[in-house]
Amino acid sequence: MAEESSLLTPFSSRDYQWYYLVDNAWVPLPAKNMIHDTTQGFLNSGVVTLDIPDVANTEHTVMPNDLYWLRVSTNKGLGQYPKCYHVATHVIQANPSDNVTKSTTPFAKWQHQPKIANLGTIAQLTPMAQWQAHETEREWITRTSESLRHKGKAENPWDYEHIVLQQFPAIGAVDCFSGRQFDSDQPKPGHVLLTVMPSQLSCEHDPCERKNVSAADLLAIQNYLASVSRPQTRIAVRNPGYEEIQVRCTVAFAKGVHHGLALRQLEYSITQALCPWHPDSLNKGLGWTLSLSKLTAFINQQPNVTHVSGLSVIKVTREPSQEYELLDSARVDEPISAKLPWYLLISAKHHQIKLSSQHHAVEPSPAGVGDLTIGEQFILASDERDDMPNSDNGKRSH
């Protein structure tokens, strides 16, 4: 299942129902027949073990014949569950023994030992849990010192951040915002918001990936913090909010340069420079404000680029209400910044770079409908609203 989910608390197992197909009738599966579920109520990838009654058969007309059929359905919060990428049968969970060589790769090659007749190939569906390295003396001193400071109780932002990093090794970064809620910039006394990111932040920039922690892990962190903080504190643990930014500019290349190759290299360099996961990125992380002058200087320094002008940036924000907002720097006299301190600006999949053979200065031009890419910046609303902002102010809702 996908890591990204708007479901932050699992629904009760009573809120969804399993069925099995008998002839052409779907028969509810009794709750006692659900033996085991490691998905935590479909919050994350895992194994669901069911005891299917013997009356289930393979003769149907409502579904393809010669197969057993199961279904699970709910009428509560369907749009909040993570996306399901794959369903497999005959699944087992493998646990390493002490004499197994430790693997540093998430996926491995598997073979039968000993070989079993008529057994198909073995496919690994999810990455292996990474081995934890032995704690060094320096790490032990750091952990002990931090434990002596917070004493296992979360009372201030420093406590929250270091307790999470100590108790959840898969988390690589934590930011705590006291008195805040995720979908509001107004102070909320009694609330604590934490954004977390995984420790593995490598990126191929094709396109840049959103690094999310699974909903199940968010819930586990939230529950643990609730046990070590004041009872009246309302804690929310979330992935950062993401906003895509697309660069639009006109460049001139040196003579004799292959334009197609140079454009691809320049676009990749811009994507890399805007990626929050790259060590030499212009992007400084949560709450970052993009400087157009610094971005212009960066593009001017790229190989084969002799001139750049008309630079503007489009930002696309997806609101918690599932609505979208578009901000065009060519239309407004304000910097391109993360909407809230716990939001991240991340590079769009494509940038719009035009070629010019002259070194004439070009003014930034507002993006029109024809400049937007369907599925990226051009998004159609499911219904019309009477309170849509006027496009003249540079902000548009879609």
Protein backbone atom coordinates (compact mmCIF):
# COMPACT_ATOMS: atom_id res chain seq x y z
CA MET A 1 0.00 0.00 0.00
CA ALA A 2 1.06 3.58 -0.53
CA GLU A 3 2.79 5.45 2.29
CA GLU A 4 0.69 8.58 1.80
CA SER A 5 -2.68 8.60 3.54
CA SER A 6 -5.04 11.20 4.95
CA LEU A 7 -6.31 8.60 7.42
CA LEU A 8 -4.49 9.39 10.66
CA THR A 9 -6.48 7.12 12.97
CA PRO A 10 -7.55 3.60 11.98
CA PHE A 11 -11.23 2.85 11.77
CA SER A 12 -12.53 0.00 13.88
CA SER A 13 -12.55 -3.46 12.31
CA ARG A 14 -16.35 -3.23 12.61
CA ASP A 15 -16.33 -0.46 10.00
CA TYR A 16 -15.35 -2.76 7.13
CA GLN A 17 -16.67 -6.17 6.15
CA TRP A 18 -15.10 -9.13 4.36
CA TYR A 19 -17.16 -11.28 1.97
CA TYR A 20 -16.58 -14.52 0.08
CA LEU A 21 -18.37 -15.64 -3.07
CA VAL A 22 -20.63 -18.70 -3.04
CA ASP A 23 -22.14 -19.36 -6.47
CA ASN A 24 -23.26 -15.80 -7.34
CA ALA A 25 -23.92 -14.55 -3.80
CA TRP A 26 -21.56 -12.55 -1.61
CA VAL A 27 -21.65 -14.02 1.91
CA PRO A 28 -20.38 -11.96 4.88
CA LEU A 29 -17.34 -13.49 6.55
CA PRO A 30 -17.83 -13.74 10.34
CA ALA A 31 -15.47 -11.65 12.45
CA LYS A 32 -14.11 -14.78 14.11
CA ASN A 33 -12.77 -15.92 10.72
CA MET A 34 -10.38 -12.97 10.49
CA ILE A 35 -7.36 -14.60 12.12
CA HIS A 36 -4.65 -11.97 11.82
CA ASP A 37 -4.12 -8.52 10.32
CA THR A 38 -0.75 -6.76 10.25
CA THR A 39 -2.04 -3.87 8.09
CA GLN A 40 -3.45 -2.16 11.20
CA GLY A 41 -6.82 -1.71 9.56
CA PHE A 42 -5.43 -1.06 6.04
CA LEU A 43 -3.11 1.72 7.18
CA ASN A 44 0.01 0.06 5.76
CA SER A 45 1.26 -2.93 3.77
CA GLY A 46 0.92 -6.21 5.60
CA VAL A 47 -0.57 -9.70 5.73
CA VAL A 48 -4.24 -10.45 6.34
CA THR A 49 -4.97 -14.07 7.34
CA LEU A 50 -8.55 -15.29 6.83
CA ASP A 51 -10.25 -18.62 7.51
CA ILE A 52 -12.46 -19.17 4.44
CA PRO A 53 -15.46 -21.50 4.96
CA ASP A 54 -15.57 -24.70 2.93
CA VAL A 55 -18.77 -23.60 1.18
CA ALA A 56 -16.81 -21.09 -0.93
CA ASN A 57 -16.66 -22.39 -4.49
CA THR A 58 -15.27 -21.56 -7.93
CA GLU A 59 -18.44 -21.66 -10.07
CA HIS A 60 -19.76 -18.15 -10.79
CA THR A 61 -21.13 -15.96 -13.50
CA VAL A 62 -20.93 -12.59 -11.71
CA MET A 63 -17.13 -12.98 -11.49
CA PRO A 64 -14.63 -14.96 -13.62
CA ASN A 65 -15.13 -18.70 -13.19
CA ASP A 66 -12.73 -21.29 -11.71
CA LEU A 67 -11.48 -18.88 -9.06
CA TYR A 68 -12.22 -18.20 -5.40
CA TRP A 69 -13.25 -14.60 -4.79
CA LEU A 70 -13.01 -12.34 -1.73
CA ARG A 71 -13.97 -8.73 -1.28
CA VAL A 72 -13.77 -6.17 1.49
CA SER A 73 -15.94 -3.08 1.60
CA THR A 74 -16.68 -0.07 3.78
CA ASN A 75 -18.89 2.98 3.65
CA LYS A 76 -16.76 5.03 6.02
CA GLY A 77 -13.82 7.21 4.98
CA LEU A 78 -13.13 5.34 1.75
CA GLY A 79 -11.21 8.25 0.21
CA GLN A 80 -8.91 8.48 3.23
CA TYR A 81 -7.32 5.04 2.99
CA PRO A 82 -3.89 4.67 1.35
CA LYS A 83 -3.87 3.58 -2.28
CA CYS A 84 -3.59 -0.16 -2.84
CA TYR A 85 -0.89 -1.02 -5.36
CA HIS A 86 -0.95 -4.82 -5.28
CA VAL A 87 -2.81 -7.77 -3.77
CA ALA A 88 -1.09 -11.15 -3.50
CA THR A 89 -2.06 -14.57 -2.18
CA HIS A 90 0.00 -17.30 -0.49
CA VAL A 91 2.01 -14.75 1.48
CA ILE A 92 4.21 -15.43 4.49
CA GLN A 93 6.33 -13.18 6.65
CA ALA A 94 10.01 -14.15 6.81
CA ASN A 95 12.01 -13.44 9.96
CA PRO A 96 15.83 -13.70 9.94
CA SER A 97 17.66 -16.20 12.09
CA ASP A 98 20.89 -15.51 13.95
CA ASN A 99 23.07 -17.26 11.37
CA VAL A 100 21.73 -15.32 8.37
CA THR A 101 24.08 -12.88 6.71
CA LYS A 102 22.85 -9.35 7.29
CA SER A 103 21.59 -7.69 4.12
CA THR A 104 22.09 -4.00 3.40
CA THR A 105 19.73 -3.95 0.40
CA PRO A 106 15.93 -3.63 0.71
CA PHE A 107 15.27 -6.43 -1.81
CA ALA A 108 17.09 -9.74 -2.21
CA LYS A 109 17.15 -12.78 -4.48
CA TRP A 110 15.34 -15.79 -3.01
CA GLN A 111 15.60 -19.50 -3.74
CA HIS A 112 14.13 -22.74 -2.37
CA GLN A 113 16.22 -24.56 0.23
CA PRO A 114 15.70 -27.47 -0.32
CA LYS A 115 13.91 -27.30 -3.65
CA ILE A 116 10.21 -28.19 -3.52
CA ALA A 117 8.44 -29.68 -6.54
CA ASN A 118 5.77 -27.58 -8.27
CA LEU A 119 6.58 -24.52 -6.16
CA GLY A 120 6.70 -21.34 -8.19
CA THR A 121 9.17 -18.51 -7.98
CA ILE A 122 9.48 -16.52 -4.76
CA ALA A 123 8.65 -12.82 -5.01
CA GLN A 124 9.49 -10.29 -2.31
CA LEU A 125 6.69 -7.72 -2.10
CA THR A 126 7.96 -5.25 0.48
CA PRO A 127 11.47 -4.08 1.39
CA MET A 128 13.23 -5.78 4.24
CA ALA A 129 13.56 -4.02 7.54
CA GLN A 130 17.02 -2.53 7.74
CA TRP A 131 19.44 -3.89 10.31
CA GLN A 132 20.31 -1.54 13.11
CA ALA A 133 24.02 -0.97 13.48
CA HIS A 134 25.58 -1.55 16.88
CA GLU A 135 25.56 1.55 19.03
CA THR A 136 28.93 3.24 19.22
CA GLU A 137 30.31 4.72 22.42
CA ARG A 138 29.66 8.25 21.12
CA GLU A 139 26.06 7.38 20.26
CA TRP A 140 25.61 5.81 23.70
CA ILE A 141 26.89 8.97 25.39
CA THR A 142 24.56 11.13 23.27
CA ARG A 143 21.53 8.93 23.96
CA THR A 144 22.24 8.79 27.68
CA SER A 145 22.75 12.55 27.91
CA GLU A 146 19.50 13.24 26.08
CA SER A 147 17.61 10.76 28.27
CA LEU A 148 18.92 12.46 31.40
CA ARG A 149 17.69 15.79 30.04
CA HIS A 150 14.13 14.85 29.05
CA LYS A 151 13.79 11.99 31.60
CA GLY A 152 11.32 10.21 29.34
CA LYS A 153 8.78 13.05 29.54
CA ALA A 154 7.77 15.39 26.73
CA GLU A 155 7.27 18.92 28.03
CA ASN A 156 8.85 21.18 25.38
CA PRO A 157 9.66 20.95 21.64
CA TRP A 158 13.21 19.70 22.28
CA ASP A 159 11.84 16.83 24.38
CA TYR A 160 9.32 15.82 21.72
CA GLU A 161 11.89 15.85 18.93
CA HIS A 162 14.59 13.87 20.72
CA ILE A 163 12.20 11.31 22.22
CA VAL A 164 10.88 10.50 18.73
CA LEU A 165 14.39 10.20 17.26
CA GLN A 166 15.42 7.96 20.15
CA GLN A 167 12.40 5.65 20.12
CA PHE A 168 11.88 5.38 16.34
CA PRO A 169 15.17 4.69 14.50
CA ALA A 170 13.49 4.81 11.07
CA ILE A 171 12.74 8.51 11.60
CA GLY A 172 15.51 10.80 10.45
CA ALA A 173 14.10 14.27 11.12
CA VAL A 174 11.50 15.69 13.50
CA ASP A 175 10.21 19.24 13.84
CA CYS A 176 7.91 20.25 16.68
CA PHE A 177 5.57 23.24 16.53
CA SER A 178 4.05 24.11 19.87
CA GLY A 179 0.53 25.51 19.90
CA ARG A 180 -0.14 24.80 16.23
CA GLN A 181 -2.45 22.69 14.06
CA PHE A 182 -1.56 21.36 10.61
CA ASP A 183 -4.23 23.15 8.58
CA SER A 184 -4.10 26.55 10.29
CA ASP A 185 -1.59 29.35 10.81
CA GLN A 186 -3.40 30.56 13.95
CA PRO A 187 -2.05 29.71 17.42
CA LYS A 188 -3.87 26.81 19.09
CA PRO A 189 -3.06 26.60 22.80
CA GLY A 190 -2.89 23.05 24.08
CA HIS A 191 -1.99 21.60 20.67
CA VAL A 192 1.36 20.20 19.58
CA LEU A 193 2.17 19.49 15.93
CA LEU A 194 5.10 17.34 14.84
CA THR A 195 6.26 16.67 11.30
CA VAL A 196 8.48 13.67 10.71
CA MET A 197 10.57 12.43 7.81
CA PRO A 198 12.21 9.03 7.24
CA SER A 199 15.95 8.53 7.63
CA GLN A 200 16.35 7.41 4.01
CA LEU A 201 16.20 10.61 1.93
CA SER A 202 18.04 9.70 -1.27
CA CYS A 203 16.37 10.97 -4.46
CA GLU A 204 16.86 10.32 -8.17
CA HIS A 205 15.15 13.62 -9.11
CA ASP A 206 13.07 11.88 -11.80
CA PRO A 207 10.89 13.38 -10.43
CA CYS A 208 11.71 14.33 -6.85
CA GLU A 209 9.91 12.07 -4.41
CA ARG A 210 7.74 13.00 -1.48
CA LYS A 211 9.29 11.31 1.53
CA ASN A 212 6.38 10.16 3.66
CA VAL A 213 6.14 8.05 6.77
CA SER A 214 3.30 5.50 6.72
CA ALA A 215 0.05 6.30 8.48
CA ALA A 216 0.66 3.35 10.81
CA ASP A 217 4.02 4.75 11.91
CA LEU A 218 2.52 8.22 12.38
CA LEU A 219 -0.12 6.69 14.63
CA ALA A 220 2.50 4.70 16.59
CA ILE A 221 4.54 7.87 17.22
CA GLN A 222 1.45 9.80 18.21
CA ASN A 223 0.33 7.12 20.66
CA TYR A 224 3.79 6.89 22.22
CA LEU A 225 4.04 10.65 22.70
CA ALA A 226 0.59 10.69 24.27
CA SER A 227 1.90 8.27 26.89
CA VAL A 228 4.84 10.51 27.87
CA SER A 229 3.24 13.95 27.67
CA ARG A 230 0.67 15.81 29.71
CA PRO A 231 -2.81 14.23 29.49
CA GLN A 232 -4.54 17.38 28.25
CA THR A 233 -2.09 17.95 25.37
CA ARG A 234 -3.53 17.31 21.90
CA ILE A 235 -0.76 15.83 19.77
CA ALA A 236 -0.79 15.46 15.98
CA VAL A 237 2.03 13.72 14.08
CA ARG A 238 2.02 14.36 10.35
CA ASN A 239 4.08 14.18 7.20
CA PRO A 240 5.12 17.62 5.91
CA GLY A 241 2.78 19.41 3.55
CA TYR A 242 4.14 19.52 -0.01
CA GLU A 243 3.88 22.27 -2.62
CA GLU A 244 5.19 21.83 -6.15
CA ILE A 245 7.10 24.62 -7.85
CA GLN A 246 7.76 24.92 -11.58
CA VAL A 247 10.45 27.21 -13.01
CA ARG A 248 9.72 29.17 -16.21
CA CYS A 249 12.51 31.08 -17.96
CA THR A 250 14.21 31.89 -21.25
CA VAL A 251 17.87 30.95 -21.75
CA ALA A 252 20.55 31.32 -24.39
CA PHE A 253 23.20 28.64 -24.90
CA ALA A 254 26.75 28.95 -26.16
CA LYS A 255 27.29 28.45 -29.88
CA GLY A 256 27.71 24.89 -31.07
CA VAL A 257 25.89 23.37 -28.10
CA HIS A 258 23.39 20.57 -28.77
CA HIS A 259 20.17 22.22 -27.59
CA GLY A 260 18.23 19.05 -26.76
CA LEU A 261 20.94 17.61 -24.52
CA ALA A 262 21.72 20.98 -22.94
CA LEU A 263 18.03 21.55 -22.11
CA ARG A 264 17.72 18.14 -20.44
CA GLN A 265 20.87 18.75 -18.41
CA LEU A 266 19.70 22.20 -17.34
CA GLU A 267 16.27 20.96 -16.33
CA TYR A 268 17.85 18.17 -14.26
CA SER A 269 20.19 20.68 -12.58
CA ILE A 270 17.24 22.93 -11.69
CA THR A 271 15.27 19.98 -10.32
CA GLN A 272 18.28 18.93 -8.25
CA ALA A 273 18.78 22.46 -6.94
CA LEU A 274 15.15 22.65 -5.77
CA CYS A 275 15.10 19.19 -4.19
CA PRO A 276 15.08 19.34 -0.37
CA TRP A 277 16.82 15.93 -0.22
CA HIS A 278 19.94 16.99 -2.16
CA PRO A 279 22.90 17.99 0.07
CA ASP A 280 23.86 20.99 -2.13
CA SER A 281 20.31 22.15 -2.77
CA LEU A 282 19.13 25.75 -2.67
CA ASN A 283 16.13 24.37 -0.78
CA LYS A 284 16.63 24.78 2.97
CA GLY A 285 13.71 22.60 4.01
CA LEU A 286 10.54 23.35 5.95
CA GLY A 287 9.16 26.87 5.54
CA TRP A 288 11.73 27.79 2.86
CA THR A 289 11.41 30.96 0.78
CA LEU A 290 12.73 30.72 -2.78
CA SER A 291 14.91 33.65 -3.87
CA LEU A 292 14.39 34.32 -7.59
CA SER A 293 17.66 36.24 -7.76
CA LYS A 294 19.61 33.29 -6.32
CA LEU A 295 17.85 30.91 -8.70
CA THR A 296 18.72 33.19 -11.64
CA ALA A 297 22.36 33.25 -10.54
CA PHE A 298 22.37 29.47 -10.23
CA ILE A 299 21.04 29.01 -13.77
CA ASN A 300 23.59 31.53 -15.12
CA GLN A 301 26.38 29.44 -13.58
CA GLN A 302 25.34 26.24 -15.36
CA PRO A 303 27.52 24.89 -18.20
CA ASN A 304 26.66 26.21 -21.69
CA VAL A 305 24.25 28.89 -20.35
CA THR A 306 25.22 32.38 -21.49
CA HIS A 307 22.08 34.31 -20.58
CA VAL A 308 18.85 33.84 -18.60
CA SER A 309 15.86 36.16 -18.31
CA GLY A 310 12.10 36.15 -17.81
CA LEU A 311 12.37 33.89 -14.80
CA SER A 312 9.19 33.19 -12.84
CA VAL A 313 7.94 30.37 -10.64
CA ILE A 314 4.54 28.70 -10.36
CA LYS A 315 3.56 27.12 -7.04
CA VAL A 316 0.74 24.58 -6.73
CA THR A 317 -0.71 23.89 -3.30
CA ARG A 318 -3.14 21.11 -2.47
CA GLU A 319 -5.31 22.19 0.42
CA PRO A 320 -6.48 19.76 3.16
CA SER A 321 -9.97 20.28 1.67
CA GLN A 322 -8.63 18.65 -1.56
CA GLU A 323 -8.83 21.98 -3.39
CA TYR A 324 -5.85 23.41 -5.25
CA GLU A 325 -4.33 26.86 -5.26
CA LEU A 326 -1.96 28.19 -7.93
CA LEU A 327 0.43 31.08 -7.28
CA ASP A 328 2.36 32.67 -10.15
CA SER A 329 5.31 34.92 -9.25
CA ALA A 330 4.83 36.74 -12.56
CA ARG A 331 1.42 37.94 -11.35
CA VAL A 332 2.14 38.86 -7.73
CA ASP A 333 4.77 40.98 -6.09
CA GLU A 334 5.63 38.54 -3.31
CA PRO A 335 8.22 35.79 -2.83
CA ILE A 336 7.50 32.13 -3.43
CA SER A 337 7.41 30.69 0.07
CA ALA A 338 6.12 27.58 1.75
CA LYS A 339 2.54 28.26 2.81
CA LEU A 340 3.13 27.23 6.42
CA PRO A 341 6.29 26.54 8.46
CA TRP A 342 5.68 22.78 8.20
CA TYR A 343 5.32 22.77 4.41
CA LEU A 344 8.05 21.81 1.92
CA LEU A 345 8.58 23.24 -1.54
CA ILE A 346 9.48 20.47 -3.98
CA SER A 347 10.35 20.53 -7.66
CA ALA A 348 7.67 19.81 -10.24
CA LYS A 349 8.21 16.96 -12.67
CA HIS A 350 8.90 19.35 -15.57
CA HIS A 351 10.11 22.93 -15.96
CA GLN A 352 9.30 25.26 -18.83
CA ILE A 353 12.57 26.47 -20.37
CA LYS A 354 12.46 28.43 -23.62
CA LEU A 355 15.42 28.98 -25.95
CA SER A 356 16.57 32.30 -27.33
CA SER A 357 19.39 33.01 -29.76
CA GLN A 358 19.67 36.60 -28.54
CA HIS A 359 20.80 38.05 -25.23
CA HIS A 360 17.78 40.32 -24.97
CA ALA A 361 16.12 40.69 -21.59
CA VAL A 362 12.68 39.09 -21.47
CA GLU A 363 10.16 40.10 -18.84
CA PRO A 364 8.45 37.30 -16.85
CA SER A 365 5.09 36.49 -18.42
CA PRO A 366 2.08 35.20 -16.47
CA ALA A 367 1.27 31.59 -17.24
CA GLY A 368 -1.85 30.98 -19.31
CA VAL A 369 -3.92 27.84 -19.63
CA GLY A 370 -1.81 26.71 -22.59
CA ASP A 371 1.34 26.85 -20.44
CA LEU A 372 0.04 24.43 -17.81
CA THR A 373 0.47 20.65 -17.93
CA ILE A 374 -2.59 18.48 -17.33
CA GLY A 375 -2.16 16.54 -14.09
CA GLU A 376 0.59 18.83 -12.83
CA GLN A 377 -0.39 22.52 -12.81
CA PHE A 378 -3.65 22.26 -14.79
CA ILE A 379 -6.27 20.65 -12.55
CA LEU A 380 -10.01 20.74 -13.12
CA ALA A 381 -12.31 21.18 -10.14
CA SER A 382 -15.10 18.67 -9.59
CA ASP A 383 -17.58 21.48 -8.92
CA GLU A 384 -17.77 25.22 -9.37
CA ARG A 385 -17.49 27.62 -6.47
CA ASP A 386 -18.87 31.11 -6.24
CA ASP A 387 -16.02 32.32 -4.05
CA MET A 388 -13.14 31.56 -6.42
CA PRO A 389 -10.44 34.23 -6.17
CA ASN A 390 -9.97 36.65 -9.03
CA SER A 391 -7.08 35.54 -11.26
CA ASP A 392 -5.76 39.10 -11.35
CA ASN A 393 -4.23 38.70 -7.91
CA GLY A 394 -2.07 35.81 -9.08
CA LYS A 395 -3.85 33.13 -7.06
CA ARG A 396 -6.28 30.71 -8.61
CA SER A 397 -8.25 27.88 -7.12
CA HIS A 398 -8.89 24.78 -9.20
